[in-house]
Amino acid sequence: MTEIIDLLLALSQEIKDLKARIELIKATRAERLKDTWIDNQDVMQTLHISQRTLQTFRSNGTIPYSKIQGKFYYKVSDIEELLQSNYYNPNFKCDGNK
């Protein structure tokens, strides 16, 4: 009977270790993704905006970009920052209190 308990404890510990490794891999992947570049089509699909709106965002400096041979690229982290800086929650006051 103690052998079964020992096996269950060992299995439980291995499951915890696997969960920790999976979380580490997910976090690492998210960090790598932030440094990736996406093109116009990906940005328009992500933000659900038109090509003209994206052009306006570039023109007025709303979103940073890189241009190579007529093709525009954007950092995922910049898109995320744009969304975060325009985040609004009507349930909270400006100081973060309800």
PDB file of N, CA and C in Angstrom:
ATOM      1  N   MET A   1       0.828  -1.197   0.000  1.00  0.00           N
ATOM      2  CA  MET A   1       0.000   0.000   0.000  1.00  0.00           C
ATOM      3  C   MET A   1       0.874   1.263   0.000  1.00  0.00           C
ATOM      4  N   THR A   2       1.955   1.257   0.753  1.00  0.00           N
ATOM      5  CA  THR A   2       2.839   2.434   0.782  1.00  0.00           C
ATOM      6  C   THR A   2       3.522   2.641  -0.561  1.00  0.00           C
ATOM      7  N   GLU A   3       3.717   1.554  -1.313  1.00  0.00           N
ATOM      8  CA  GLU A   3       4.321   1.689  -2.635  1.00  0.00           C
ATOM      9  C   GLU A   3       3.402   2.487  -3.560  1.00  0.00           C
ATOM     10  N   ILE A   4       2.120   2.222  -3.476  1.00  0.00           N
ATOM     11  CA  ILE A   4       1.151   2.942  -4.306  1.00  0.00           C
ATOM     12  C   ILE A   4       1.129   4.423  -3.930  1.00  0.00           C
ATOM     13  N   ILE A   5       1.167   4.703  -2.646  1.00  0.00           N
ATOM     14  CA  ILE A   5       1.183   6.090  -2.179  1.00  0.00           C
ATOM     15  C   ILE A   5       2.443   6.794  -2.664  1.00  0.00           C
ATOM     16  N   ASP A   6       3.573   6.104  -2.562  1.00  0.00           N
ATOM     17  CA  ASP A   6       4.834   6.678  -3.034  1.00  0.00           C
ATOM     18  C   ASP A   6       4.779   6.946  -4.541  1.00  0.00           C
ATOM     19  N   LEU A   7       4.220   6.012  -5.289  1.00  0.00           N
ATOM     20  CA  LEU A   7       4.093   6.192  -6.731  1.00  0.00           C
ATOM     21  C   LEU A   7       3.176   7.373  -7.063  1.00  0.00           C
ATOM     22  N   LEU A   8       2.077   7.496  -6.346  1.00  0.00           N
ATOM     23  CA  LEU A   8       1.153   8.606  -6.566  1.00  0.00           C
ATOM     24  C   LEU A   8       1.802   9.953  -6.234  1.00  0.00           C
ATOM     25  N   LEU A   9       2.567   9.983  -5.163  1.00  0.00           N
ATOM     26  CA  LEU A   9       3.269  11.223  -4.803  1.00  0.00           C
ATOM     27  C   LEU A   9       4.305  11.592  -5.858  1.00  0.00           C
ATOM     28  N   ALA A  10       5.036  10.573  -6.344  1.00  0.00           N
ATOM     29  CA  ALA A  10       6.028  10.823  -7.386  1.00  0.00           C
ATOM     30  C   ALA A  10       5.354  11.307  -8.666  1.00  0.00           C
ATOM     31  N   LEU A  11       4.251  10.673  -9.026  1.00  0.00           N
ATOM     32  CA  LEU A  11       3.500  11.076 -10.215  1.00  0.00           C
ATOM     33  C   LEU A  11       2.961  12.496 -10.062  1.00  0.00           C
ATOM     34  N   SER A  12       2.467  12.811  -8.893  1.00  0.00           N
ATOM     35  CA  SER A  12       1.964  14.154  -8.625  1.00  0.00           C
ATOM     36  C   SER A  12       3.075  15.191  -8.786  1.00  0.00           C
ATOM     37  N   GLN A  13       4.247  14.892  -8.276  1.00  0.00           N
ATOM     38  CA  GLN A  13       5.374  15.812  -8.398  1.00  0.00           C
ATOM     39  C   GLN A  13       5.788  15.989  -9.856  1.00  0.00           C
ATOM     40  N   GLU A  14       5.789  14.907 -10.618  1.00  0.00           N
ATOM     41  CA  GLU A  14       6.138  14.994 -12.037  1.00  0.00           C
ATOM     42  C   GLU A  14       5.113  15.837 -12.795  1.00  0.00           C
ATOM     43  N   ILE A  15       3.851  15.722 -12.454  1.00  0.00           N
ATOM     44  CA  ILE A  15       2.816  16.531 -13.096  1.00  0.00           C
ATOM     45  C   ILE A  15       3.039  18.012 -12.779  1.00  0.00           C
ATOM     46  N   LYS A  16       3.378  18.314 -11.522  1.00  0.00           N
ATOM     47  CA  LYS A  16       3.664  19.705 -11.147  1.00  0.00           C
ATOM     48  C   LYS A  16       4.855  20.237 -11.931  1.00  0.00           C
ATOM     49  N   ASP A  17       5.900  19.416 -12.091  1.00  0.00           N
ATOM     50  CA  ASP A  17       7.077  19.824 -12.855  1.00  0.00           C
ATOM     51  C   ASP A  17       6.722  20.091 -14.312  1.00  0.00           C
ATOM     52  N   LEU A  18       5.905  19.226 -14.888  1.00  0.00           N
ATOM     53  CA  LEU A  18       5.478  19.417 -16.278  1.00  0.00           C
ATOM     54  C   LEU A  18       4.665  20.697 -16.441  1.00  0.00           C
ATOM     55  N   LYS A  19       3.771  20.967 -15.493  1.00  0.00           N
ATOM     56  CA  LYS A  19       2.977  22.196 -15.547  1.00  0.00           C
ATOM     57  C   LYS A  19       3.881  23.424 -15.496  1.00  0.00           C
ATOM     58  N   ALA A  20       4.897  23.375 -14.642  1.00  0.00           N
ATOM     59  CA  ALA A  20       5.832  24.497 -14.524  1.00  0.00           C
ATOM     60  C   ALA A  20       6.601  24.688 -15.833  1.00  0.00           C
ATOM     61  N   ARG A  21       7.017  23.596 -16.458  1.00  0.00           N
ATOM     62  CA  ARG A  21       7.744  23.691 -17.731  1.00  0.00           C
ATOM     63  C   ARG A  21       6.855  24.258 -18.831  1.00  0.00           C
ATOM     64  N   ILE A  22       5.608  23.827 -18.867  1.00  0.00           N
ATOM     65  CA  ILE A  22       4.676  24.330 -19.876  1.00  0.00           C
ATOM     66  C   ILE A  22       4.465  25.832 -19.702  1.00  0.00           C
ATOM     67  N   GLU A  23       4.293  26.278 -18.473  1.00  0.00           N
ATOM     68  CA  GLU A  23       4.122  27.710 -18.224  1.00  0.00           C
ATOM     69  C   GLU A  23       5.354  28.500 -18.651  1.00  0.00           C
ATOM     70  N   LEU A  24       6.523  27.945 -18.412  1.00  0.00           N
ATOM     71  CA  LEU A  24       7.762  28.608 -18.812  1.00  0.00           C
ATOM     72  C   LEU A  24       7.841  28.705 -20.332  1.00  0.00           C
ATOM     73  N   ILE A  25       7.477  27.653 -21.019  1.00  0.00           N
ATOM     74  CA  ILE A  25       7.498  27.660 -22.485  1.00  0.00           C
ATOM     75  C   ILE A  25       6.501  28.678 -23.025  1.00  0.00           C
ATOM     76  N   LYS A  26       5.309  28.739 -22.442  1.00  0.00           N
ATOM     77  CA  LYS A  26       4.306  29.707 -22.876  1.00  0.00           C
ATOM     78  C   LYS A  26       4.797  31.131 -22.669  1.00  0.00           C
ATOM     79  N   ALA A  27       5.405  31.398 -21.536  1.00  0.00           N
ATOM     80  CA  ALA A  27       5.909  32.745 -21.250  1.00  0.00           C
ATOM     81  C   ALA A  27       7.031  33.112 -22.210  1.00  0.00           C
ATOM     82  N   THR A  28       7.908  32.173 -22.466  1.00  0.00           N
ATOM     83  CA  THR A  28       9.020  32.415 -23.378  1.00  0.00           C
ATOM     84  C   THR A  28       8.500  32.693 -24.781  1.00  0.00           C
ATOM     85  N   ARG A  29       7.503  31.937 -25.199  1.00  0.00           N
ATOM     86  CA  ARG A  29       6.922  32.125 -26.528  1.00  0.00           C
ATOM     87  C   ARG A  29       6.268  33.498 -26.634  1.00  0.00           C
ATOM     88  N   ALA A  30       5.575  33.916 -25.595  1.00  0.00           N
ATOM     89  CA  ALA A  30       4.934  35.237 -25.602  1.00  0.00           C
ATOM     90  C   ALA A  30       5.980  36.340 -25.710  1.00  0.00           C
ATOM     91  N   GLU A  31       7.080  36.188 -25.007  1.00  0.00           N
ATOM     92  CA  GLU A  31       8.150  37.179 -25.085  1.00  0.00           C
ATOM     93  C   GLU A  31       8.766  37.225 -26.480  1.00  0.00           C
ATOM     94  N   ARG A  32       8.965  36.050 -27.081  1.00  0.00           N
ATOM     95  CA  ARG A  32       9.517  36.014 -28.435  1.00  0.00           C
ATOM     96  C   ARG A  32       8.551  36.638 -29.426  1.00  0.00           C
ATOM     97  N   LEU A  33       7.266  36.411 -29.229  1.00  0.00           N
ATOM     98  CA  LEU A  33       6.263  36.940 -30.132  1.00  0.00           C
ATOM     99  C   LEU A  33       6.240  38.463 -30.104  1.00  0.00           C
ATOM    100  N   LYS A  34       6.507  39.048 -28.956  1.00  0.00           N
ATOM    101  CA  LYS A  34       6.511  40.506 -28.839  1.00  0.00           C
ATOM    102  C   LYS A  34       7.578  41.133 -29.725  1.00  0.00           C
ATOM    103  N   ASP A  35       8.653  40.412 -29.977  1.00  0.00           N
ATOM    104  CA  ASP A  35       9.741  40.935 -30.792  1.00  0.00           C
ATOM    105  C   ASP A  35       9.571  40.640 -32.270  1.00  0.00           C
ATOM    106  N   THR A  36       8.481  39.974 -32.645  1.00  0.00           N
ATOM    107  CA  THR A  36       8.268  39.659 -34.041  1.00  0.00           C
ATOM    108  C   THR A  36       7.623  40.831 -34.770  1.00  0.00           C
ATOM    109  N   TRP A  37       7.726  40.778 -36.070  1.00  0.00           N
ATOM    110  CA  TRP A  37       7.169  41.817 -36.924  1.00  0.00           C
ATOM    111  C   TRP A  37       6.030  41.219 -37.729  1.00  0.00           C
ATOM    112  N   ILE A  38       4.982  42.006 -37.926  1.00  0.00           N
ATOM    113  CA  ILE A  38       3.857  41.562 -38.744  1.00  0.00           C
ATOM    114  C   ILE A  38       3.596  42.604 -39.824  1.00  0.00           C
ATOM    115  N   ASP A  39       2.929  42.198 -40.884  1.00  0.00           N
ATOM    116  CA  ASP A  39       2.689  43.112 -42.000  1.00  0.00           C
ATOM    117  C   ASP A  39       1.303  43.761 -41.913  1.00  0.00           C
ATOM    118  N   ASN A  40       0.988  44.581 -42.938  1.00  0.00           N
ATOM    119  CA  ASN A  40      -0.285  45.306 -42.966  1.00  0.00           C
ATOM    120  C   ASN A  40      -1.481  44.395 -42.754  1.00  0.00           C
ATOM    121  N   GLN A  41      -1.511  43.292 -43.498  1.00  0.00           N
ATOM    122  CA  GLN A  41      -2.665  42.403 -43.459  1.00  0.00           C
ATOM    123  C   GLN A  41      -2.913  41.880 -42.047  1.00  0.00           C
ATOM    124  N   ASP A  42      -1.845  41.466 -41.376  1.00  0.00           N
ATOM    125  CA  ASP A  42      -1.983  40.949 -40.011  1.00  0.00           C
ATOM    126  C   ASP A  42      -2.490  42.026 -39.053  1.00  0.00           C
ATOM    127  N   VAL A  43      -1.988  43.235 -39.201  1.00  0.00           N
ATOM    128  CA  VAL A  43      -2.428  44.332 -38.325  1.00  0.00           C
ATOM    129  C   VAL A  43      -3.893  44.660 -38.577  1.00  0.00           C
ATOM    130  N   MET A  44      -4.272  44.734 -39.837  1.00  0.00           N
ATOM    131  CA  MET A  44      -5.674  45.053 -40.164  1.00  0.00           C
ATOM    132  C   MET A  44      -6.612  43.978 -39.632  1.00  0.00           C
ATOM    133  N   GLN A  45      -6.215  42.719 -39.734  1.00  0.00           N
ATOM    134  CA  GLN A  45      -7.051  41.633 -39.217  1.00  0.00           C
ATOM    135  C   GLN A  45      -7.106  41.651 -37.696  1.00  0.00           C
ATOM    136  N   THR A  46      -5.974  41.918 -37.066  1.00  0.00           N
ATOM    137  CA  THR A  46      -5.913  41.933 -35.607  1.00  0.00           C
ATOM    138  C   THR A  46      -6.759  43.048 -35.020  1.00  0.00           C
ATOM    139  N   LEU A  47      -6.644  44.241 -35.596  1.00  0.00           N
ATOM    140  CA  LEU A  47      -7.353  45.405 -35.070  1.00  0.00           C
ATOM    141  C   LEU A  47      -8.731  45.603 -35.698  1.00  0.00           C
ATOM    142  N   HIS A  48      -9.047  44.806 -36.711  1.00  0.00           N
ATOM    143  CA  HIS A  48     -10.321  44.942 -37.431  1.00  0.00           C
ATOM    144  C   HIS A  48     -10.477  46.358 -37.987  1.00  0.00           C
ATOM    145  N   ILE A  49      -9.456  46.787 -38.724  1.00  0.00           N
ATOM    146  CA  ILE A  49      -9.471  48.119 -39.324  1.00  0.00           C
ATOM    147  C   ILE A  49      -9.203  48.002 -40.820  1.00  0.00           C
ATOM    148  N   SER A  50      -9.504  49.073 -41.538  1.00  0.00           N
ATOM    149  CA  SER A  50      -9.282  49.104 -42.978  1.00  0.00           C
ATOM    150  C   SER A  50      -7.850  49.536 -43.287  1.00  0.00           C
ATOM    151  N   GLN A  51      -7.489  49.373 -44.553  1.00  0.00           N
ATOM    152  CA  GLN A  51      -6.161  49.789 -44.992  1.00  0.00           C
ATOM    153  C   GLN A  51      -5.998  51.301 -44.838  1.00  0.00           C
ATOM    154  N   ARG A  52      -7.055  52.039 -45.101  1.00  0.00           N
ATOM    155  CA  ARG A  52      -7.003  53.503 -44.979  1.00  0.00           C
ATOM    156  C   ARG A  52      -6.805  53.925 -43.521  1.00  0.00           C
ATOM    157  N   THR A  53      -7.474  53.250 -42.597  1.00  0.00           N
ATOM    158  CA  THR A  53      -7.303  53.563 -41.179  1.00  0.00           C
ATOM    159  C   THR A  53      -5.873  53.289 -40.750  1.00  0.00           C
ATOM    160  N   LEU A  54      -5.312  52.186 -41.213  1.00  0.00           N
ATOM    161  CA  LEU A  54      -3.932  51.860 -40.877  1.00  0.00           C
ATOM    162  C   LEU A  54      -2.983  52.909 -41.446  1.00  0.00           C
ATOM    163  N   GLN A  55      -3.273  53.375 -42.652  1.00  0.00           N
ATOM    164  CA  GLN A  55      -2.459  54.428 -43.260  1.00  0.00           C
ATOM    165  C   GLN A  55      -2.525  55.707 -42.423  1.00  0.00           C
ATOM    166  N   THR A  56      -3.721  56.021 -41.919  1.00  0.00           N
ATOM    167  CA  THR A  56      -3.883  57.193 -41.053  1.00  0.00           C
ATOM    168  C   THR A  56      -3.082  57.025 -39.767  1.00  0.00           C
ATOM    169  N   PHE A  57      -3.119  55.830 -39.188  1.00  0.00           N
ATOM    170  CA  PHE A  57      -2.337  55.563 -37.974  1.00  0.00           C
ATOM    171  C   PHE A  57      -0.849  55.787 -38.220  1.00  0.00           C
ATOM    172  N   ARG A  58      -0.366  55.388 -39.389  1.00  0.00           N
ATOM    173  CA  ARG A  58       1.043  55.612 -39.727  1.00  0.00           C
ATOM    174  C   ARG A  58       1.322  57.098 -39.904  1.00  0.00           C
ATOM    175  N   SER A  59       0.442  57.765 -40.644  1.00  0.00           N
ATOM    176  CA  SER A  59       0.650  59.181 -40.972  1.00  0.00           C
ATOM    177  C   SER A  59       0.653  60.079 -39.749  1.00  0.00           C
ATOM    178  N   ASN A  60      -0.251  59.822 -38.797  1.00  0.00           N
ATOM    179  CA  ASN A  60      -0.317  60.702 -37.628  1.00  0.00           C
ATOM    180  C   ASN A  60       0.539  60.213 -36.463  1.00  0.00           C
ATOM    181  N   GLY A  61       1.305  59.159 -36.689  1.00  0.00           N
ATOM    182  CA  GLY A  61       2.244  58.691 -35.663  1.00  0.00           C
ATOM    183  C   GLY A  61       1.606  57.835 -34.584  1.00  0.00           C
ATOM    184  N   THR A  62       0.402  57.372 -34.811  1.00  0.00           N
ATOM    185  CA  THR A  62      -0.271  56.536 -33.811  1.00  0.00           C
ATOM    186  C   THR A  62       0.452  55.213 -33.635  1.00  0.00           C
ATOM    187  N   ILE A  63       0.994  54.696 -34.730  1.00  0.00           N
ATOM    188  CA  ILE A  63       1.656  53.396 -34.677  1.00  0.00           C
ATOM    189  C   ILE A  63       3.004  53.464 -35.404  1.00  0.00           C
ATOM    190  N   PRO A  64       4.075  53.037 -34.728  1.00  0.00           N
ATOM    191  CA  PRO A  64       5.386  53.017 -35.388  1.00  0.00           C
ATOM    192  C   PRO A  64       5.443  51.888 -36.414  1.00  0.00           C
ATOM    193  N   TYR A  65       6.296  52.060 -37.409  1.00  0.00           N
ATOM    194  CA  TYR A  65       6.391  51.051 -38.454  1.00  0.00           C
ATOM    195  C   TYR A  65       7.777  51.073 -39.088  1.00  0.00           C
ATOM    196  N   SER A  66       8.014  50.075 -39.894  1.00  0.00           N
ATOM    197  CA  SER A  66       9.220  49.994 -40.702  1.00  0.00           C
ATOM    198  C   SER A  66       8.775  49.734 -42.134  1.00  0.00           C
ATOM    199  N   LYS A  67       9.453  50.340 -43.083  1.00  0.00           N
ATOM    200  CA  LYS A  67       9.072  50.168 -44.485  1.00  0.00           C
ATOM    201  C   LYS A  67      10.271  49.640 -45.260  1.00  0.00           C
ATOM    202  N   ILE A  68      10.061  48.527 -45.932  1.00  0.00           N
ATOM    203  CA  ILE A  68      11.109  47.924 -46.747  1.00  0.00           C
ATOM    204  C   ILE A  68      10.530  47.665 -48.125  1.00  0.00           C
ATOM    205  N   GLN A  69      11.097  48.331 -49.125  1.00  0.00           N
ATOM    206  CA  GLN A  69      10.664  48.185 -50.511  1.00  0.00           C
ATOM    207  C   GLN A  69       9.147  48.285 -50.661  1.00  0.00           C
ATOM    208  N   GLY A  70       8.562  49.288 -50.040  1.00  0.00           N
ATOM    209  CA  GLY A  70       7.142  49.542 -50.193  1.00  0.00           C
ATOM    210  C   GLY A  70       6.229  48.706 -49.318  1.00  0.00           C
ATOM    211  N   LYS A  71       6.800  47.811 -48.524  1.00  0.00           N
ATOM    212  CA  LYS A  71       5.977  46.977 -47.649  1.00  0.00           C
ATOM    213  C   LYS A  71       6.186  47.428 -46.208  1.00  0.00           C
ATOM    214  N   PHE A  72       5.078  47.546 -45.461  1.00  0.00           N
ATOM    215  CA  PHE A  72       5.129  48.038 -44.093  1.00  0.00           C
ATOM    216  C   PHE A  72       5.116  46.877 -43.103  1.00  0.00           C
ATOM    217  N   TYR A  73       5.878  47.059 -42.021  1.00  0.00           N
ATOM    218  CA  TYR A  73       5.948  46.055 -40.958  1.00  0.00           C
ATOM    219  C   TYR A  73       5.793  46.752 -39.611  1.00  0.00           C
ATOM    220  N   TYR A  74       5.211  46.018 -38.661  1.00  0.00           N
ATOM    221  CA  TYR A  74       4.919  46.568 -37.342  1.00  0.00           C
ATOM    222  C   TYR A  74       5.327  45.557 -36.288  1.00  0.00           C
ATOM    223  N   LYS A  75       5.838  46.057 -35.158  1.00  0.00           N
ATOM    224  CA  LYS A  75       6.173  45.169 -34.050  1.00  0.00           C
ATOM    225  C   LYS A  75       4.901  44.798 -33.297  1.00  0.00           C
ATOM    226  N   VAL A  76       4.797  43.534 -32.926  1.00  0.00           N
ATOM    227  CA  VAL A  76       3.651  43.072 -32.142  1.00  0.00           C
ATOM    228  C   VAL A  76       3.587  43.847 -30.826  1.00  0.00           C
ATOM    229  N   SER A  77       4.739  44.113 -30.235  1.00  0.00           N
ATOM    230  CA  SER A  77       4.760  44.839 -28.957  1.00  0.00           C
ATOM    231  C   SER A  77       4.208  46.258 -29.112  1.00  0.00           C
ATOM    232  N   ASP A  78       4.413  46.890 -30.266  1.00  0.00           N
ATOM    233  CA  ASP A  78       3.866  48.230 -30.494  1.00  0.00           C
ATOM    234  C   ASP A  78       2.348  48.188 -30.644  1.00  0.00           C
ATOM    235  N   ILE A  79       1.839  47.153 -31.281  1.00  0.00           N
ATOM    236  CA  ILE A  79       0.391  46.994 -31.418  1.00  0.00           C
ATOM    237  C   ILE A  79      -0.230  46.789 -30.034  1.00  0.00           C
ATOM    238  N   GLU A  80       0.430  45.942 -29.244  1.00  0.00           N
ATOM    239  CA  GLU A  80      -0.035  45.682 -27.885  1.00  0.00           C
ATOM    240  C   GLU A  80      -0.035  46.961 -27.052  1.00  0.00           C
ATOM    241  N   GLU A  81       1.026  47.744 -27.182  1.00  0.00           N
ATOM    242  CA  GLU A  81       1.138  49.004 -26.439  1.00  0.00           C
ATOM    243  C   GLU A  81       0.052  49.992 -26.853  1.00  0.00           C
ATOM    244  N   LEU A  82      -0.255  50.040 -28.151  1.00  0.00           N
ATOM    245  CA  LEU A  82      -1.323  50.909 -28.640  1.00  0.00           C
ATOM    246  C   LEU A  82      -2.657  50.525 -28.015  1.00  0.00           C
ATOM    247  N   LEU A  83      -2.935  49.244 -27.994  1.00  0.00           N
ATOM    248  CA  LEU A  83      -4.186  48.780 -27.389  1.00  0.00           C
ATOM    249  C   LEU A  83      -4.221  49.085 -25.893  1.00  0.00           C
ATOM    250  N   GLN A  84      -3.124  48.833 -25.217  1.00  0.00           N
ATOM    251  CA  GLN A  84      -3.067  49.057 -23.775  1.00  0.00           C
ATOM    252  C   GLN A  84      -3.213  50.545 -23.436  1.00  0.00           C
ATOM    253  N   SER A  85      -2.577  51.401 -24.221  1.00  0.00           N
ATOM    254  CA  SER A  85      -2.636  52.839 -23.923  1.00  0.00           C
ATOM    255  C   SER A  85      -4.025  53.426 -24.181  1.00  0.00           C
ATOM    256  N   ASN A  86      -4.829  52.739 -24.968  1.00  0.00           N
ATOM    257  CA  ASN A  86      -6.189  53.209 -25.249  1.00  0.00           C
ATOM    258  C   ASN A  86      -7.243  52.389 -24.529  1.00  0.00           C
ATOM    259  N   TYR A  87      -6.811  51.609 -23.567  1.00  0.00           N
ATOM    260  CA  TYR A  87      -7.736  50.766 -22.807  1.00  0.00           C
ATOM    261  C   TYR A  87      -8.616  51.628 -21.914  1.00  0.00           C
ATOM    262  N   TYR A  88      -9.903  51.348 -21.933  1.00  0.00           N
ATOM    263  CA  TYR A  88     -10.852  52.103 -21.114  1.00  0.00           C
ATOM    264  C   TYR A  88     -11.786  51.126 -20.422  1.00  0.00           C
ATOM    265  N   ASN A  89     -11.924  51.281 -19.131  1.00  0.00           N
ATOM    266  CA  ASN A  89     -12.856  50.477 -18.356  1.00  0.00           C
ATOM    267  C   ASN A  89     -13.777  51.438 -17.618  1.00  0.00           C
ATOM    268  N   PRO A  90     -15.036  51.501 -18.010  1.00  0.00           N
ATOM    269  CA  PRO A  90     -15.958  52.476 -17.409  1.00  0.00           C
ATOM    270  C   PRO A  90     -16.265  52.190 -15.936  1.00  0.00           C
ATOM    271  N   ASN A  91     -15.906  51.020 -15.452  1.00  0.00           N
ATOM    272  CA  ASN A  91     -16.192  50.676 -14.052  1.00  0.00           C
ATOM    273  C   ASN A  91     -15.151  51.242 -13.093  1.00  0.00           C
ATOM    274  N   PHE A  92     -14.063  51.762 -13.630  1.00  0.00           N
ATOM    275  CA  PHE A  92     -12.998  52.274 -12.772  1.00  0.00           C
ATOM    276  C   PHE A  92     -12.763  53.747 -13.047  1.00  0.00           C
ATOM    277  N   LYS A  93     -12.457  54.496 -11.972  1.00  0.00           N
ATOM    278  CA  LYS A  93     -12.111  55.899 -12.116  1.00  0.00           C
ATOM    279  C   LYS A  93     -10.677  55.983 -12.625  1.00  0.00           C
ATOM    280  N   CYS A  94     -10.222  57.177 -12.933  1.00  0.00           N
ATOM    281  CA  CYS A  94      -8.875  57.383 -13.472  1.00  0.00           C
ATOM    282  C   CYS A  94      -7.794  56.890 -12.511  1.00  0.00           C
ATOM    283  N   ASP A  95      -8.043  56.970 -11.210  1.00  0.00           N
ATOM    284  CA  ASP A  95      -7.014  56.560 -10.248  1.00  0.00           C
ATOM    285  C   ASP A  95      -7.031  55.056 -10.013  1.00  0.00           C
ATOM    286  N   GLY A  96      -7.888  54.324 -10.706  1.00  0.00           N
ATOM    287  CA  GLY A  96      -7.926  52.877 -10.593  1.00  0.00           C
ATOM    288  C   GLY A  96      -8.869  52.344  -9.531  1.00  0.00           C
ATOM    289  N   ASN A  97      -9.537  53.241  -8.806  1.00  0.00           N
ATOM    290  CA  ASN A  97     -10.490  52.814  -7.766  1.00  0.00           C
ATOM    291  C   ASN A  97     -11.885  52.734  -8.354  1.00  0.00           C
ATOM    292  N   LYS A  98     -12.672  51.824  -7.812  1.00  0.00           N
ATOM    293  CA  LYS A  98     -14.059  51.704  -8.267  1.00  0.00           C
ATOM    294  C   LYS A  98     -14.907  52.810  -7.721  1.00  0.00           C
TER     295      LYS A  98
END
